Amino acid sequence: MENIKRIRRGDIYYTNIEDIGQAVGSEQSGSRPAVVIQNDVGNKYSPTTIVAFITTKPKKYLPTHVRLHTKMLFFSSTVMLEQIRTVSKDRLEKYIGTLNKAEMEKIDRAICVSLDIKET
């Protein structure tokens, strides 16, 4: 993990989750991009972080999906906020880039939908 810069919320990394075990149904596996959604205090002190996986495969739109149209990802992509997972920071391989504030606001709204968090 020494080759990874300080991990921050909104960063996108290629992740390697190939050896976690056999994926069942719609579970994500393999090497794929993911956006860090854990807060920066947790990212600073914990050996793990929380990510949401990104796919380039066209998906039926769900309110837990955020579409990204950014040059840092070579294809139109979808962040799947129903696919949230805690991973070791050692699984974060190549840094891709960081989402902007507007994109993270969409991510936050989709997290609230996914986890049924009501705004107060």
C-alpha atoms as a PDB file:
ATOM      1  CA  MET A   1       0.000   0.000   0.000  1.00  0.00           C
ATOM      2  CA  GLU A   2       3.030   2.267   0.168  1.00  0.00           C
ATOM      3  CA  ASN A   3       2.588   3.239  -3.493  1.00  0.00           C
ATOM      4  CA  ILE A   4      -0.918   4.634  -2.915  1.00  0.00           C
ATOM      5  CA  LYS A   5      -1.346   8.314  -2.217  1.00  0.00           C
ATOM      6  CA  ARG A   6      -3.521   9.384   0.678  1.00  0.00           C
ATOM      7  CA  ILE A   7      -6.949   7.917   0.006  1.00  0.00           C
ATOM      8  CA  ARG A   8      -9.796  10.421   0.023  1.00  0.00           C
ATOM      9  CA  ARG A   9     -13.547  10.270  -0.313  1.00  0.00           C
ATOM     10  CA  GLY A  10     -14.465  10.610  -3.988  1.00  0.00           C
ATOM     11  CA  ASP A  11     -11.257   9.021  -5.285  1.00  0.00           C
ATOM     12  CA  ILE A  12     -11.622   6.348  -7.950  1.00  0.00           C
ATOM     13  CA  TYR A  13      -9.266   3.352  -7.962  1.00  0.00           C
ATOM     14  CA  TYR A  14      -9.071   0.101  -9.833  1.00  0.00           C
ATOM     15  CA  THR A  15      -9.794  -2.561  -7.223  1.00  0.00           C
ATOM     16  CA  ASN A  16      -8.816  -6.200  -7.250  1.00  0.00           C
ATOM     17  CA  ILE A  17     -11.425  -8.402  -5.609  1.00  0.00           C
ATOM     18  CA  GLU A  18     -10.746 -11.531  -7.657  1.00  0.00           C
ATOM     19  CA  ASP A  19      -9.631 -13.711  -4.742  1.00  0.00           C
ATOM     20  CA  ILE A  20     -12.453 -12.874  -2.320  1.00  0.00           C
ATOM     21  CA  GLY A  21     -14.372 -15.956  -3.393  1.00  0.00           C
ATOM     22  CA  GLN A  22     -17.010 -17.064  -5.825  1.00  0.00           C
ATOM     23  CA  ALA A  23     -19.414 -14.255  -6.700  1.00  0.00           C
ATOM     24  CA  VAL A  24     -23.070 -15.229  -6.460  1.00  0.00           C
ATOM     25  CA  GLY A  25     -25.818 -13.617  -8.526  1.00  0.00           C
ATOM     26  CA  SER A  26     -25.171  -9.899  -8.999  1.00  0.00           C
ATOM     27  CA  GLU A  27     -22.246  -9.682  -6.562  1.00  0.00           C
ATOM     28  CA  GLN A  28     -19.287  -7.814  -8.035  1.00  0.00           C
ATOM     29  CA  SER A  29     -15.948  -9.546  -8.506  1.00  0.00           C
ATOM     30  CA  GLY A  30     -12.768  -9.253 -10.524  1.00  0.00           C
ATOM     31  CA  SER A  31     -10.734  -6.168 -11.222  1.00  0.00           C
ATOM     32  CA  ARG A  32     -12.931  -3.101 -11.598  1.00  0.00           C
ATOM     33  CA  PRO A  33     -13.065   0.590 -10.782  1.00  0.00           C
ATOM     34  CA  ALA A  34     -14.667   1.735  -7.551  1.00  0.00           C
ATOM     35  CA  VAL A  35     -15.261   5.092  -5.894  1.00  0.00           C
ATOM     36  CA  VAL A  36     -14.249   5.605  -2.252  1.00  0.00           C
ATOM     37  CA  ILE A  37     -17.322   6.619  -0.224  1.00  0.00           C
ATOM     38  CA  GLN A  38     -15.905   6.320   3.307  1.00  0.00           C
ATOM     39  CA  ASN A  39     -15.261   9.576   5.193  1.00  0.00           C
ATOM     40  CA  ASP A  40     -11.724  10.967   5.248  1.00  0.00           C
ATOM     41  CA  VAL A  41     -11.202  10.377   8.992  1.00  0.00           C
ATOM     42  CA  GLY A  42     -11.860   6.671   8.458  1.00  0.00           C
ATOM     43  CA  ASN A  43      -9.681   6.736   5.360  1.00  0.00           C
ATOM     44  CA  LYS A  44      -6.804   8.226   7.354  1.00  0.00           C
ATOM     45  CA  TYR A  45      -6.832   5.789  10.277  1.00  0.00           C
ATOM     46  CA  SER A  46      -8.448   2.542   9.122  1.00  0.00           C
ATOM     47  CA  PRO A  47      -6.699  -0.236   7.177  1.00  0.00           C
ATOM     48  CA  THR A  48      -9.941  -0.610   5.224  1.00  0.00           C
ATOM     49  CA  THR A  49     -12.162   1.718   3.241  1.00  0.00           C
ATOM     50  CA  ILE A  50     -15.693   1.606   1.881  1.00  0.00           C
ATOM     51  CA  VAL A  51     -16.208   1.657  -1.883  1.00  0.00           C
ATOM     52  CA  ALA A  52     -19.034   1.545  -4.404  1.00  0.00           C
ATOM     53  CA  PHE A  53     -18.338  -0.350  -7.587  1.00  0.00           C
ATOM     54  CA  ILE A  54     -18.475   1.153 -11.070  1.00  0.00           C
ATOM     55  CA  THR A  55     -19.581  -0.634 -14.223  1.00  0.00           C
ATOM     56  CA  THR A  56     -19.365   0.232 -17.901  1.00  0.00           C
ATOM     57  CA  LYS A  57     -22.076  -2.257 -18.818  1.00  0.00           C
ATOM     58  CA  PRO A  58     -25.383  -0.590 -19.637  1.00  0.00           C
ATOM     59  CA  LYS A  59     -27.709  -1.006 -16.678  1.00  0.00           C
ATOM     60  CA  LYS A  60     -31.395  -0.488 -16.177  1.00  0.00           C
ATOM     61  CA  TYR A  61     -31.547   2.810 -14.319  1.00  0.00           C
ATOM     62  CA  LEU A  62     -32.148   2.490 -10.582  1.00  0.00           C
ATOM     63  CA  PRO A  63     -32.355   5.368  -8.087  1.00  0.00           C
ATOM     64  CA  THR A  64     -29.184   3.902  -6.535  1.00  0.00           C
ATOM     65  CA  HIS A  65     -27.257   4.465  -9.777  1.00  0.00           C
ATOM     66  CA  VAL A  66     -25.188   7.528 -10.654  1.00  0.00           C
ATOM     67  CA  ARG A  67     -24.100   7.890 -14.257  1.00  0.00           C
ATOM     68  CA  LEU A  68     -20.654   9.361 -14.815  1.00  0.00           C
ATOM     69  CA  HIS A  69     -19.563  11.082 -18.002  1.00  0.00           C
ATOM     70  CA  THR A  70     -15.969  11.933 -17.237  1.00  0.00           C
ATOM     71  CA  LYS A  71     -12.757  11.766 -19.250  1.00  0.00           C
ATOM     72  CA  MET A  72     -10.898   9.961 -16.455  1.00  0.00           C
ATOM     73  CA  LEU A  73     -13.024   6.876 -17.190  1.00  0.00           C
ATOM     74  CA  PHE A  74     -12.702   5.937 -20.837  1.00  0.00           C
ATOM     75  CA  PHE A  75     -16.339   4.866 -21.149  1.00  0.00           C
ATOM     76  CA  SER A  76     -19.674   6.120 -19.891  1.00  0.00           C
ATOM     77  CA  SER A  77     -19.967   4.442 -16.500  1.00  0.00           C
ATOM     78  CA  THR A  78     -22.431   3.866 -13.688  1.00  0.00           C
ATOM     79  CA  VAL A  79     -21.663   3.917  -9.970  1.00  0.00           C
ATOM     80  CA  MET A  80     -23.829   1.252  -8.343  1.00  0.00           C
ATOM     81  CA  LEU A  81     -24.641   2.423  -4.824  1.00  0.00           C
ATOM     82  CA  GLU A  82     -26.444  -0.851  -4.164  1.00  0.00           C
ATOM     83  CA  GLN A  83     -22.980  -2.464  -4.553  1.00  0.00           C
ATOM     84  CA  ILE A  84     -21.196  -1.060  -1.482  1.00  0.00           C
ATOM     85  CA  ARG A  85     -18.364  -3.021   0.100  1.00  0.00           C
ATOM     86  CA  THR A  86     -15.664  -2.657   2.734  1.00  0.00           C
ATOM     87  CA  VAL A  87     -12.270  -3.580   1.287  1.00  0.00           C
ATOM     88  CA  SER A  88      -8.685  -3.571   2.468  1.00  0.00           C
ATOM     89  CA  LYS A  89      -6.763  -0.559   1.209  1.00  0.00           C
ATOM     90  CA  ASP A  90      -4.320  -3.115  -0.213  1.00  0.00           C
ATOM     91  CA  ARG A  91      -7.008  -3.963  -2.799  1.00  0.00           C
ATOM     92  CA  LEU A  92      -6.849  -0.427  -4.215  1.00  0.00           C
ATOM     93  CA  GLU A  93      -4.481  -0.664  -7.143  1.00  0.00           C
ATOM     94  CA  LYS A  94      -4.265   2.140  -9.694  1.00  0.00           C
ATOM     95  CA  TYR A  95      -5.527   5.639  -8.862  1.00  0.00           C
ATOM     96  CA  ILE A  96      -7.802   6.900 -11.654  1.00  0.00           C
ATOM     97  CA  GLY A  97      -8.965  10.309 -10.447  1.00  0.00           C
ATOM     98  CA  THR A  98     -11.316  12.143  -8.097  1.00  0.00           C
ATOM     99  CA  LEU A  99     -14.988  12.986  -8.592  1.00  0.00           C
ATOM    100  CA  ASN A 100     -16.039  16.626  -8.392  1.00  0.00           C
ATOM    101  CA  LYS A 101     -18.440  18.127  -5.833  1.00  0.00           C
ATOM    102  CA  ALA A 102     -21.524  17.856  -8.083  1.00  0.00           C
ATOM    103  CA  GLU A 103     -20.810  14.182  -8.793  1.00  0.00           C
ATOM    104  CA  MET A 104     -20.319  13.479  -5.075  1.00  0.00           C
ATOM    105  CA  GLU A 105     -23.629  15.173  -4.266  1.00  0.00           C
ATOM    106  CA  LYS A 106     -25.318  12.703  -6.633  1.00  0.00           C
ATOM    107  CA  ILE A 107     -23.415   9.861  -4.941  1.00  0.00           C
ATOM    108  CA  ASP A 108     -24.604  11.078  -1.517  1.00  0.00           C
ATOM    109  CA  ARG A 109     -28.245  11.165  -2.651  1.00  0.00           C
ATOM    110  CA  ALA A 110     -27.991   7.659  -4.083  1.00  0.00           C
ATOM    111  CA  ILE A 111     -26.402   6.375  -0.841  1.00  0.00           C
ATOM    112  CA  CYS A 112     -29.361   7.803   1.086  1.00  0.00           C
ATOM    113  CA  VAL A 113     -31.749   5.980  -1.244  1.00  0.00           C
ATOM    114  CA  SER A 114     -29.793   2.730  -1.023  1.00  0.00           C
ATOM    115  CA  LEU A 115     -29.615   2.758   2.783  1.00  0.00           C
ATOM    116  CA  ASP A 116     -33.047   4.376   3.321  1.00  0.00           C
ATOM    117  CA  ILE A 117     -31.526   7.352   5.128  1.00  0.00           C
ATOM    118  CA  LYS A 118     -34.043  10.157   5.514  1.00  0.00           C
ATOM    119  CA  GLU A 119     -32.847  13.741   5.410  1.00  0.00           C
ATOM    120  CA  THR A 120     -33.613  15.683   8.587  1.00  0.00           C
END
